[in-house]
PDB file of all heavy atoms in Angstrom:
ATOM      1  N   LEU A   1       0.839  -1.199   0.000  1.00  0.00           N
ATOM      2  CA  LEU A   1       0.000   0.000   0.000  1.00  0.00           C
ATOM      3  C   LEU A   1       0.876   1.252   0.000  1.00  0.00           C
ATOM      4  O   LEU A   1       0.619   2.207  -0.749  1.00  0.00           O
ATOM      5  CB  LEU A   1      -0.916   0.000   1.221  1.00  0.00           C
ATOM      6  CG  LEU A   1      -1.670   1.306   1.496  1.00  0.00           C
ATOM      7  CD1 LEU A   1      -2.702   1.573   0.405  1.00  0.00           C
ATOM      8  CD2 LEU A   1      -2.338   1.264   2.873  1.00  0.00           C
ATOM      9  N   ALA A   2       1.907   1.254   0.837  1.00  0.00           N
ATOM     10  CA  ALA A   2       2.784   2.422   0.934  1.00  0.00           C
ATOM     11  C   ALA A   2       3.486   2.703  -0.391  1.00  0.00           C
ATOM     12  O   ALA A   2       3.589   3.862  -0.822  1.00  0.00           O
ATOM     13  CB  ALA A   2       3.812   2.208   2.050  1.00  0.00           C
ATOM     14  N   ILE A   3       3.963   1.662  -1.046  1.00  0.00           N
ATOM     15  CA  ILE A   3       4.631   1.846  -2.340  1.00  0.00           C
ATOM     16  C   ILE A   3       3.646   2.391  -3.361  1.00  0.00           C
ATOM     17  O   ILE A   3       3.933   3.349  -4.085  1.00  0.00           O
ATOM     18  CB  ILE A   3       5.234   0.517  -2.828  1.00  0.00           C
ATOM     19  CG1 ILE A   3       6.330   0.038  -1.875  1.00  0.00           C
ATOM     20  CG2 ILE A   3       5.809   0.679  -4.244  1.00  0.00           C
ATOM     21  CD1 ILE A   3       6.764  -1.397  -2.110  1.00  0.00           C
ATOM     22  N   ALA A   4       2.465   1.786  -3.429  1.00  0.00           N
ATOM     23  CA  ALA A   4       1.458   2.221  -4.394  1.00  0.00           C
ATOM     24  C   ALA A   4       1.052   3.666  -4.143  1.00  0.00           C
ATOM     25  O   ALA A   4       0.899   4.458  -5.095  1.00  0.00           O
ATOM     26  CB  ALA A   4       0.240   1.312  -4.330  1.00  0.00           C
ATOM     27  N   TYR A   5       0.895   4.037  -2.890  1.00  0.00           N
ATOM     28  CA  TYR A   5       0.477   5.408  -2.574  1.00  0.00           C
ATOM     29  C   TYR A   5       1.592   6.402  -2.900  1.00  0.00           C
ATOM     30  O   TYR A   5       1.340   7.450  -3.506  1.00  0.00           O
ATOM     31  CB  TYR A   5       0.095   5.507  -1.099  1.00  0.00           C
ATOM     32  CG  TYR A   5      -0.550   6.835  -0.767  1.00  0.00           C
ATOM     33  CD1 TYR A   5      -1.883   7.085  -1.078  1.00  0.00           C
ATOM     34  CD2 TYR A   5       0.183   7.855  -0.145  1.00  0.00           C
ATOM     35  CE1 TYR A   5      -2.480   8.297  -0.789  1.00  0.00           C
ATOM     36  CE2 TYR A   5      -0.402   9.080   0.146  1.00  0.00           C
ATOM     37  CZ  TYR A   5      -1.725   9.296  -0.186  1.00  0.00           C
ATOM     38  OH  TYR A   5      -2.306  10.504   0.081  1.00  0.00           O
ATOM     39  N   ASP A   6       2.803   6.077  -2.508  1.00  0.00           N
ATOM     40  CA  ASP A   6       3.934   6.975  -2.779  1.00  0.00           C
ATOM     41  C   ASP A   6       4.167   7.168  -4.275  1.00  0.00           C
ATOM     42  O   ASP A   6       4.636   8.221  -4.703  1.00  0.00           O
ATOM     43  CB  ASP A   6       5.209   6.436  -2.128  1.00  0.00           C
ATOM     44  CG  ASP A   6       5.424   6.986  -0.729  1.00  0.00           C
ATOM     45  OD1 ASP A   6       4.631   7.852  -0.299  1.00  0.00           O
ATOM     46  OD2 ASP A   6       6.382   6.559  -0.062  1.00  0.00           O
ATOM     47  N   GLU A   7       3.830   6.148  -5.058  1.00  0.00           N
ATOM     48  CA  GLU A   7       4.103   6.222  -6.497  1.00  0.00           C
ATOM     49  C   GLU A   7       2.893   6.692  -7.303  1.00  0.00           C
ATOM     50  O   GLU A   7       2.903   6.636  -8.528  1.00  0.00           O
ATOM     51  CB  GLU A   7       4.626   4.877  -6.988  1.00  0.00           C
ATOM     52  CG  GLU A   7       5.938   4.528  -6.309  1.00  0.00           C
ATOM     53  CD  GLU A   7       6.702   3.407  -6.982  1.00  0.00           C
ATOM     54  OE1 GLU A   7       6.157   2.765  -7.901  1.00  0.00           O
ATOM     55  OE2 GLU A   7       7.866   3.165  -6.574  1.00  0.00           O
ATOM     56  N   GLY A   8       1.864   7.168  -6.619  1.00  0.00           N
ATOM     57  CA  GLY A   8       0.757   7.814  -7.306  1.00  0.00           C
ATOM     58  C   GLY A   8      -0.189   6.886  -8.034  1.00  0.00           C
ATOM     59  O   GLY A   8      -0.835   7.284  -9.004  1.00  0.00           O
ATOM     60  N   LYS A   9      -0.322   5.684  -7.557  1.00  0.00           N
ATOM     61  CA  LYS A   9      -1.193   4.718  -8.224  1.00  0.00           C
ATOM     62  C   LYS A   9      -2.672   4.964  -7.895  1.00  0.00           C
ATOM     63  O   LYS A   9      -3.016   5.608  -6.907  1.00  0.00           O
ATOM     64  CB  LYS A   9      -0.824   3.295  -7.784  1.00  0.00           C
ATOM     65  CG  LYS A   9       0.541   2.813  -8.252  1.00  0.00           C
ATOM     66  CD  LYS A   9       0.526   2.474  -9.729  1.00  0.00           C
ATOM     67  CE  LYS A   9       1.833   1.836 -10.163  1.00  0.00           C
ATOM     68  NZ  LYS A   9       1.806   1.424 -11.576  1.00  0.00           N
ATOM     69  N   LEU A  10      -3.523   4.407  -8.734  1.00  0.00           N
ATOM     70  CA  LEU A  10      -4.947   4.315  -8.425  1.00  0.00           C
ATOM     71  C   LEU A  10      -5.128   3.073  -7.569  1.00  0.00           C
ATOM     72  O   LEU A  10      -4.759   1.964  -7.978  1.00  0.00           O
ATOM     73  CB  LEU A  10      -5.767   4.219  -9.707  1.00  0.00           C
ATOM     74  CG  LEU A  10      -7.276   4.025  -9.544  1.00  0.00           C
ATOM     75  CD1 LEU A  10      -7.900   5.162  -8.740  1.00  0.00           C
ATOM     76  CD2 LEU A  10      -7.941   3.902 -10.911  1.00  0.00           C
ATOM     77  N   ILE A  11      -5.698   3.252  -6.375  1.00  0.00           N
ATOM     78  CA  ILE A  11      -5.766   2.174  -5.384  1.00  0.00           C
ATOM     79  C   ILE A  11      -7.218   1.924  -4.986  1.00  0.00           C
ATOM     80  O   ILE A  11      -7.972   2.861  -4.725  1.00  0.00           O
ATOM     81  CB  ILE A  11      -4.956   2.538  -4.122  1.00  0.00           C
ATOM     82  CG1 ILE A  11      -3.501   2.843  -4.489  1.00  0.00           C
ATOM     83  CG2 ILE A  11      -5.042   1.433  -3.078  1.00  0.00           C
ATOM     84  CD1 ILE A  11      -2.715   3.502  -3.370  1.00  0.00           C
ATOM     85  N   GLY A  12      -7.592   0.668  -4.930  1.00  0.00           N
ATOM     86  CA  GLY A  12      -8.884   0.272  -4.398  1.00  0.00           C
ATOM     87  C   GLY A  12      -8.696  -0.482  -3.098  1.00  0.00           C
ATOM     88  O   GLY A  12      -7.739  -1.260  -2.967  1.00  0.00           O
ATOM     89  N   VAL A  13      -9.549  -0.249  -2.143  1.00  0.00           N
ATOM     90  CA  VAL A  13      -9.514  -0.987  -0.871  1.00  0.00           C
ATOM     91  C   VAL A  13     -10.829  -1.734  -0.741  1.00  0.00           C
ATOM     92  O   VAL A  13     -11.897  -1.112  -0.646  1.00  0.00           O
ATOM     93  CB  VAL A  13      -9.309  -0.040   0.327  1.00  0.00           C
ATOM     94  CG1 VAL A  13      -9.297  -0.841   1.633  1.00  0.00           C
ATOM     95  CG2 VAL A  13      -8.013   0.757   0.171  1.00  0.00           C
ATOM     96  N   LEU A  14     -10.757  -3.064  -0.768  1.00  0.00           N
ATOM     97  CA  LEU A  14     -11.955  -3.891  -0.599  1.00  0.00           C
ATOM     98  C   LEU A  14     -12.201  -4.028   0.892  1.00  0.00           C
ATOM     99  O   LEU A  14     -11.537  -4.816   1.583  1.00  0.00           O
ATOM    100  CB  LEU A  14     -11.777  -5.254  -1.261  1.00  0.00           C
ATOM    101  CG  LEU A  14     -13.022  -6.142  -1.278  1.00  0.00           C
ATOM    102  CD1 LEU A  14     -14.165  -5.479  -2.044  1.00  0.00           C
ATOM    103  CD2 LEU A  14     -12.703  -7.506  -1.901  1.00  0.00           C
ATOM    104  N   THR A  15     -13.115  -3.243   1.392  1.00  0.00           N
ATOM    105  CA  THR A  15     -13.363  -3.189   2.830  1.00  0.00           C
ATOM    106  C   THR A  15     -14.144  -4.423   3.302  1.00  0.00           C
ATOM    107  O   THR A  15     -14.615  -5.218   2.501  1.00  0.00           O
ATOM    108  CB  THR A  15     -14.140  -1.905   3.189  1.00  0.00           C
ATOM    109  OG1 THR A  15     -15.369  -1.875   2.439  1.00  0.00           O
ATOM    110  CG2 THR A  15     -13.334  -0.673   2.840  1.00  0.00           C
ATOM    111  N   GLU A  16     -14.225  -4.551   4.624  1.00  0.00           N
ATOM    112  CA  GLU A  16     -14.886  -5.689   5.265  1.00  0.00           C
ATOM    113  C   GLU A  16     -14.230  -7.014   4.882  1.00  0.00           C
ATOM    114  O   GLU A  16     -14.882  -8.030   4.697  1.00  0.00           O
ATOM    115  CB  GLU A  16     -16.386  -5.712   4.928  1.00  0.00           C
ATOM    116  CG  GLU A  16     -17.125  -4.459   5.378  1.00  0.00           C
ATOM    117  CD  GLU A  16     -18.596  -4.461   5.004  1.00  0.00           C
ATOM    118  OE1 GLU A  16     -19.120  -5.537   4.628  1.00  0.00           O
ATOM    119  OE2 GLU A  16     -19.234  -3.398   5.080  1.00  0.00           O
ATOM    120  N   THR A  17     -12.886  -6.951   4.751  1.00  0.00           N
ATOM    121  CA  THR A  17     -12.118  -8.169   4.474  1.00  0.00           C
ATOM    122  C   THR A  17     -11.016  -8.356   5.513  1.00  0.00           C
ATOM    123  O   THR A  17     -10.059  -9.098   5.290  1.00  0.00           O
ATOM    124  CB  THR A  17     -11.497  -8.125   3.065  1.00  0.00           C
ATOM    125  OG1 THR A  17     -10.710  -6.937   2.923  1.00  0.00           O
ATOM    126  CG2 THR A  17     -12.563  -8.155   1.993  1.00  0.00           C
ATOM    127  N   GLY A  18     -11.148  -7.685   6.654  1.00  0.00           N
ATOM    128  CA  GLY A  18     -10.210  -7.873   7.741  1.00  0.00           C
ATOM    129  C   GLY A  18      -8.872  -7.198   7.514  1.00  0.00           C
ATOM    130  O   GLY A  18      -8.707  -6.357   6.620  1.00  0.00           O
ATOM    131  N   GLY A  19      -7.886  -7.590   8.335  1.00  0.00           N
ATOM    132  CA  GLY A  19      -6.540  -7.061   8.191  1.00  0.00           C
ATOM    133  C   GLY A  19      -6.480  -5.551   8.320  1.00  0.00           C
ATOM    134  O   GLY A  19      -7.135  -4.954   9.174  1.00  0.00           O
ATOM    135  N   ILE A  20      -5.712  -4.920   7.437  1.00  0.00           N
ATOM    136  CA  ILE A  20      -5.487  -3.474   7.525  1.00  0.00           C
ATOM    137  C   ILE A  20      -6.569  -2.646   6.829  1.00  0.00           C
ATOM    138  O   ILE A  20      -6.527  -1.418   6.865  1.00  0.00           O
ATOM    139  CB  ILE A  20      -4.119  -3.105   6.927  1.00  0.00           C
ATOM    140  CG1 ILE A  20      -4.107  -3.366   5.422  1.00  0.00           C
ATOM    141  CG2 ILE A  20      -2.991  -3.824   7.635  1.00  0.00           C
ATOM    142  CD1 ILE A  20      -2.903  -2.766   4.705  1.00  0.00           C
ATOM    143  N   THR A  21      -7.529  -3.304   6.188  1.00  0.00           N
ATOM    144  CA  THR A  21      -8.437  -2.550   5.321  1.00  0.00           C
ATOM    145  C   THR A  21      -9.253  -1.498   6.077  1.00  0.00           C
ATOM    146  O   THR A  21      -9.577  -0.448   5.514  1.00  0.00           O
ATOM    147  CB  THR A  21      -9.390  -3.485   4.558  1.00  0.00           C
ATOM    148  OG1 THR A  21     -10.095  -4.325   5.485  1.00  0.00           O
ATOM    149  CG2 THR A  21      -8.614  -4.347   3.585  1.00  0.00           C
ATOM    150  N   HIS A  22      -9.583  -1.757   7.345  1.00  0.00           N
ATOM    151  CA  HIS A  22     -10.359  -0.775   8.102  1.00  0.00           C
ATOM    152  C   HIS A  22      -9.484   0.346   8.654  1.00  0.00           C
ATOM    153  O   HIS A  22      -9.994   1.314   9.230  1.00  0.00           O
ATOM    154  CB  HIS A  22     -11.114  -1.460   9.252  1.00  0.00           C
ATOM    155  CG  HIS A  22     -10.239  -1.967  10.356  1.00  0.00           C
ATOM    156  ND1 HIS A  22      -9.377  -3.040  10.191  1.00  0.00           N
ATOM    157  CD2 HIS A  22     -10.073  -1.538  11.639  1.00  0.00           C
ATOM    158  CE1 HIS A  22      -8.730  -3.264  11.314  1.00  0.00           C
ATOM    159  NE2 HIS A  22      -9.128  -2.366  12.200  1.00  0.00           N
ATOM    160  N   LEU A  23      -8.169   0.236   8.465  1.00  0.00           N
ATOM    161  CA  LEU A  23      -7.239   1.247   8.972  1.00  0.00           C
ATOM    162  C   LEU A  23      -6.626   2.107   7.865  1.00  0.00           C
ATOM    163  O   LEU A  23      -5.971   3.103   8.155  1.00  0.00           O
ATOM    164  CB  LEU A  23      -6.088   0.563   9.728  1.00  0.00           C
ATOM    165  CG  LEU A  23      -6.460  -0.241  10.969  1.00  0.00           C
ATOM    166  CD1 LEU A  23      -5.254  -1.025  11.463  1.00  0.00           C
ATOM    167  CD2 LEU A  23      -6.983   0.686  12.060  1.00  0.00           C
ATOM    168  N   VAL A  24      -6.828   1.719   6.614  1.00  0.00           N
ATOM    169  CA  VAL A  24      -6.133   2.392   5.517  1.00  0.00           C
ATOM    170  C   VAL A  24      -6.421   3.882   5.487  1.00  0.00           C
ATOM    171  O   VAL A  24      -5.507   4.712   5.368  1.00  0.00           O
ATOM    172  CB  VAL A  24      -6.506   1.747   4.163  1.00  0.00           C
ATOM    173  CG1 VAL A  24      -5.964   2.587   3.019  1.00  0.00           C
ATOM    174  CG2 VAL A  24      -5.948   0.332   4.080  1.00  0.00           C
ATOM    175  N   LYS A  25      -7.673   4.265   5.578  1.00  0.00           N
ATOM    176  CA  LYS A  25      -8.028   5.690   5.495  1.00  0.00           C
ATOM    177  C   LYS A  25      -7.337   6.480   6.590  1.00  0.00           C
ATOM    178  O   LYS A  25      -6.781   7.565   6.352  1.00  0.00           O
ATOM    179  CB  LYS A  25      -9.536   5.852   5.575  1.00  0.00           C
ATOM    180  CG  LYS A  25     -10.015   7.285   5.355  1.00  0.00           C
ATOM    181  CD  LYS A  25     -11.532   7.383   5.342  1.00  0.00           C
ATOM    182  CE  LYS A  25     -12.114   6.685   4.132  1.00  0.00           C
ATOM    183  NZ  LYS A  25     -13.582   6.915   4.003  1.00  0.00           N
ATOM    184  N   GLU A  26      -7.341   5.950   7.803  1.00  0.00           N
ATOM    185  CA  GLU A  26      -6.705   6.628   8.932  1.00  0.00           C
ATOM    186  C   GLU A  26      -5.195   6.732   8.739  1.00  0.00           C
ATOM    187  O   GLU A  26      -4.585   7.770   9.030  1.00  0.00           O
ATOM    188  CB  GLU A  26      -7.022   5.871  10.226  1.00  0.00           C
ATOM    189  CG  GLU A  26      -6.479   6.518  11.484  1.00  0.00           C
ATOM    190  CD  GLU A  26      -6.845   5.740  12.735  1.00  0.00           C
ATOM    191  OE1 GLU A  26      -7.711   4.847  12.645  1.00  0.00           O
ATOM    192  OE2 GLU A  26      -6.260   6.031  13.795  1.00  0.00           O
ATOM    193  N   ILE A  27      -4.587   5.669   8.227  1.00  0.00           N
ATOM    194  CA  ILE A  27      -3.140   5.667   7.992  1.00  0.00           C
ATOM    195  C   ILE A  27      -2.756   6.727   6.964  1.00  0.00           C
ATOM    196  O   ILE A  27      -1.811   7.502   7.162  1.00  0.00           O
ATOM    197  CB  ILE A  27      -2.669   4.281   7.518  1.00  0.00           C
ATOM    198  CG1 ILE A  27      -2.776   3.263   8.652  1.00  0.00           C
ATOM    199  CG2 ILE A  27      -1.233   4.337   7.000  1.00  0.00           C
ATOM    200  CD1 ILE A  27      -2.577   1.827   8.220  1.00  0.00           C
ATOM    201  N   LEU A  28      -3.493   6.791   5.857  1.00  0.00           N
ATOM    202  CA  LEU A  28      -3.159   7.740   4.799  1.00  0.00           C
ATOM    203  C   LEU A  28      -3.430   9.178   5.236  1.00  0.00           C
ATOM    204  O   LEU A  28      -2.692  10.097   4.849  1.00  0.00           O
ATOM    205  CB  LEU A  28      -3.933   7.402   3.530  1.00  0.00           C
ATOM    206  CG  LEU A  28      -3.589   6.043   2.899  1.00  0.00           C
ATOM    207  CD1 LEU A  28      -4.407   5.818   1.641  1.00  0.00           C
ATOM    208  CD2 LEU A  28      -2.101   5.936   2.599  1.00  0.00           C
ATOM    209  N   GLU A  29      -4.461   9.376   6.041  1.00  0.00           N
ATOM    210  CA  GLU A  29      -4.709  10.711   6.575  1.00  0.00           C
ATOM    211  C   GLU A  29      -3.576  11.147   7.486  1.00  0.00           C
ATOM    212  O   GLU A  29      -3.155  12.312   7.478  1.00  0.00           O
ATOM    213  CB  GLU A  29      -6.044  10.741   7.325  1.00  0.00           C
ATOM    214  CG  GLU A  29      -7.264  10.697   6.406  1.00  0.00           C
ATOM    215  CD  GLU A  29      -8.575  10.612   7.182  1.00  0.00           C
ATOM    216  OE1 GLU A  29      -8.518  10.465   8.430  1.00  0.00           O
ATOM    217  OE2 GLU A  29      -9.647  10.695   6.546  1.00  0.00           O
ATOM    218  N   ALA A  30      -3.048  10.220   8.278  1.00  0.00           N
ATOM    219  CA  ALA A  30      -1.930  10.532   9.164  1.00  0.00           C
ATOM    220  C   ALA A  30      -0.661  10.856   8.366  1.00  0.00           C
ATOM    221  O   ALA A  30       0.153  11.686   8.786  1.00  0.00           O
ATOM    222  CB  ALA A  30      -1.677   9.370  10.118  1.00  0.00           C
ATOM    223  N   CYS A  31      -0.515  10.218   7.216  1.00  0.00           N
ATOM    224  CA  CYS A  31       0.656  10.489   6.382  1.00  0.00           C
ATOM    225  C   CYS A  31       0.634  11.921   5.848  1.00  0.00           C
ATOM    226  O   CYS A  31       1.684  12.552   5.677  1.00  0.00           O
ATOM    227  CB  CYS A  31       0.706   9.512   5.208  1.00  0.00           C
ATOM    228  SG  CYS A  31       1.077   7.814   5.677  1.00  0.00           S
ATOM    229  N   ASN A  32      -0.569  12.444   5.567  1.00  0.00           N
ATOM    230  CA  ASN A  32      -0.729  13.835   5.122  1.00  0.00           C
ATOM    231  C   ASN A  32       0.239  14.166   3.985  1.00  0.00           C
ATOM    232  O   ASN A  32       1.024  15.113   4.044  1.00  0.00           O
ATOM    233  CB  ASN A  32      -0.525  14.793   6.295  1.00  0.00           C
ATOM    234  CG  ASN A  32      -0.934  16.221   5.950  1.00  0.00           C
ATOM    235  OD1 ASN A  32      -1.810  16.428   5.107  1.00  0.00           O
ATOM    236  ND2 ASN A  32      -0.303  17.191   6.587  1.00  0.00           N
ATOM    237  N   LYS A  33       0.177  13.368   2.937  1.00  0.00           N
ATOM    238  CA  LYS A  33       1.130  13.496   1.835  1.00  0.00           C
ATOM    239  C   LYS A  33       0.396  13.402   0.511  1.00  0.00           C
ATOM    240  O   LYS A  33      -0.348  12.451   0.274  1.00  0.00           O
ATOM    241  CB  LYS A  33       2.174  12.371   1.936  1.00  0.00           C
ATOM    242  CG  LYS A  33       3.289  12.428   0.913  1.00  0.00           C
ATOM    243  CD  LYS A  33       4.271  11.286   1.160  1.00  0.00           C
ATOM    244  CE  LYS A  33       5.445  11.316   0.195  1.00  0.00           C
ATOM    245  NZ  LYS A  33       6.376  10.187   0.440  1.00  0.00           N
ATOM    246  N   GLN A  34       0.603  14.386  -0.351  1.00  0.00           N
ATOM    247  CA  GLN A  34      -0.005  14.379  -1.673  1.00  0.00           C
ATOM    248  C   GLN A  34       0.965  13.748  -2.671  1.00  0.00           C
ATOM    249  O   GLN A  34       2.063  14.254  -2.865  1.00  0.00           O
ATOM    250  CB  GLN A  34      -0.367  15.802  -2.099  1.00  0.00           C
ATOM    251  CG  GLN A  34      -1.391  16.474  -1.197  1.00  0.00           C
ATOM    252  CD  GLN A  34      -2.701  15.709  -1.147  1.00  0.00           C
ATOM    253  OE1 GLN A  34      -3.220  15.265  -2.178  1.00  0.00           O
ATOM    254  NE2 GLN A  34      -3.253  15.564   0.048  1.00  0.00           N
ATOM    255  N   THR A  35       0.547  12.652  -3.272  1.00  0.00           N
ATOM    256  CA  THR A  35       1.441  11.928  -4.184  1.00  0.00           C
ATOM    257  C   THR A  35       0.858  11.767  -5.581  1.00  0.00           C
ATOM    258  O   THR A  35       1.539  11.251  -6.470  1.00  0.00           O
ATOM    259  CB  THR A  35       1.727  10.526  -3.632  1.00  0.00           C
ATOM    260  OG1 THR A  35       0.494   9.778  -3.613  1.00  0.00           O
ATOM    261  CG2 THR A  35       2.312  10.590  -2.228  1.00  0.00           C
ATOM    262  N   GLY A  36      -0.394  12.165  -5.748  1.00  0.00           N
ATOM    263  CA  GLY A  36      -1.077  11.905  -7.006  1.00  0.00           C
ATOM    264  C   GLY A  36      -1.883  10.622  -6.976  1.00  0.00           C
ATOM    265  O   GLY A  36      -2.612  10.317  -7.925  1.00  0.00           O
ATOM    266  N   ALA A  37      -1.728   9.852  -5.892  1.00  0.00           N
ATOM    267  CA  ALA A  37      -2.512   8.618  -5.754  1.00  0.00           C
ATOM    268  C   ALA A  37      -3.971   8.961  -5.505  1.00  0.00           C
ATOM    269  O   ALA A  37      -4.300  10.023  -4.968  1.00  0.00           O
ATOM    270  CB  ALA A  37      -1.968   7.775  -4.605  1.00  0.00           C
ATOM    271  N   ARG A  38      -4.830   8.043  -5.878  1.00  0.00           N
ATOM    272  CA  ARG A  38      -6.255   8.184  -5.583  1.00  0.00           C
ATOM    273  C   ARG A  38      -6.729   6.870  -4.986  1.00  0.00           C
ATOM    274  O   ARG A  38      -6.426   5.796  -5.528  1.00  0.00           O
ATOM    275  CB  ARG A  38      -7.041   8.527  -6.841  1.00  0.00           C
ATOM    276  CG  ARG A  38      -8.516   8.787  -6.556  1.00  0.00           C
ATOM    277  CD  ARG A  38      -9.195   9.455  -7.715  1.00  0.00           C
ATOM    278  NE  ARG A  38     -10.611   9.662  -7.448  1.00  0.00           N
ATOM    279  CZ  ARG A  38     -11.453  10.222  -8.310  1.00  0.00           C
ATOM    280  NH1 ARG A  38     -11.006  10.638  -9.491  1.00  0.00           N
ATOM    281  NH2 ARG A  38     -12.716  10.365  -8.009  1.00  0.00           N
ATOM    282  N   VAL A  39      -7.463   6.931  -3.887  1.00  0.00           N
ATOM    283  CA  VAL A  39      -7.870   5.726  -3.161  1.00  0.00           C
ATOM    284  C   VAL A  39      -9.388   5.650  -3.126  1.00  0.00           C
ATOM    285  O   VAL A  39     -10.061   6.604  -2.735  1.00  0.00           O
ATOM    286  CB  VAL A  39      -7.302   5.721  -1.730  1.00  0.00           C
ATOM    287  CG1 VAL A  39      -7.617   4.397  -1.042  1.00  0.00           C
ATOM    288  CG2 VAL A  39      -5.796   5.969  -1.745  1.00  0.00           C
ATOM    289  N   ILE A  40      -9.909   4.511  -3.552  1.00  0.00           N
ATOM    290  CA  ILE A  40     -11.349   4.265  -3.596  1.00  0.00           C
ATOM    291  C   ILE A  40     -11.669   3.110  -2.649  1.00  0.00           C
ATOM    292  O   ILE A  40     -10.991   2.074  -2.668  1.00  0.00           O
ATOM    293  CB  ILE A  40     -11.806   3.905  -5.024  1.00  0.00           C
ATOM    294  CG1 ILE A  40     -11.355   4.984  -6.013  1.00  0.00           C
ATOM    295  CG2 ILE A  40     -13.317   3.710  -5.071  1.00  0.00           C
ATOM    296  CD1 ILE A  40     -11.928   6.359  -5.742  1.00  0.00           C
ATOM    297  N   TYR A  41     -12.702   3.283  -1.843  1.00  0.00           N
ATOM    298  CA  TYR A  41     -13.094   2.271  -0.861  1.00  0.00           C
ATOM    299  C   TYR A  41     -14.448   1.673  -1.242  1.00  0.00           C
ATOM    300  O   TYR A  41     -15.339   2.378  -1.724  1.00  0.00           O
ATOM    301  CB  TYR A  41     -13.194   2.888   0.535  1.00  0.00           C
ATOM    302  CG  TYR A  41     -11.916   3.534   1.016  1.00  0.00           C
ATOM    303  CD1 TYR A  41     -11.621   4.860   0.692  1.00  0.00           C
ATOM    304  CD2 TYR A  41     -11.002   2.838   1.797  1.00  0.00           C
ATOM    305  CE1 TYR A  41     -10.446   5.460   1.122  1.00  0.00           C
ATOM    306  CE2 TYR A  41      -9.820   3.425   2.237  1.00  0.00           C
ATOM    307  CZ  TYR A  41      -9.551   4.743   1.901  1.00  0.00           C
ATOM    308  OH  TYR A  41      -8.389   5.348   2.326  1.00  0.00           O
ATOM    309  N   GLY A  42     -14.602   0.373  -1.002  1.00  0.00           N
ATOM    310  CA  GLY A  42     -15.875  -0.266  -1.270  1.00  0.00           C
ATOM    311  C   GLY A  42     -15.886  -1.685  -0.762  1.00  0.00           C
ATOM    312  O   GLY A  42     -14.849  -2.365  -0.747  1.00  0.00           O
ATOM    313  N   SER A  43     -17.062  -2.164  -0.359  1.00  0.00           N
ATOM    314  CA  SER A  43     -17.183  -3.519   0.178  1.00  0.00           C
ATOM    315  C   SER A  43     -17.700  -4.519  -0.842  1.00  0.00           C
ATOM    316  O   SER A  43     -17.643  -5.729  -0.608  1.00  0.00           O
ATOM    317  CB  SER A  43     -18.113  -3.517   1.402  1.00  0.00           C
ATOM    318  OG  SER A  43     -19.420  -3.070   1.033  1.00  0.00           O
ATOM    319  N   ASP A  44     -18.205  -4.026  -1.972  1.00  0.00           N
ATOM    320  CA  ASP A  44     -18.737  -4.902  -3.015  1.00  0.00           C
ATOM    321  C   ASP A  44     -17.692  -5.048  -4.122  1.00  0.00           C
ATOM    322  O   ASP A  44     -17.337  -4.057  -4.770  1.00  0.00           O
ATOM    323  CB  ASP A  44     -20.023  -4.319  -3.581  1.00  0.00           C
ATOM    324  CG  ASP A  44     -20.655  -5.228  -4.618  1.00  0.00           C
ATOM    325  OD1 ASP A  44     -20.155  -5.268  -5.761  1.00  0.00           O
ATOM    326  OD2 ASP A  44     -21.651  -5.899  -4.290  1.00  0.00           O
TER     327      ASP A  44
END
């Protein structure tokens, strides 16, 4: 995730699948870094 975000990728997070998925938004907000990446969240 960190590599993809730092390199400006388009990222999808399939939520409600355990692990880090429920923390991704909080982690990226804490990073407070504009990289050109775009992150989309969804459970379906």
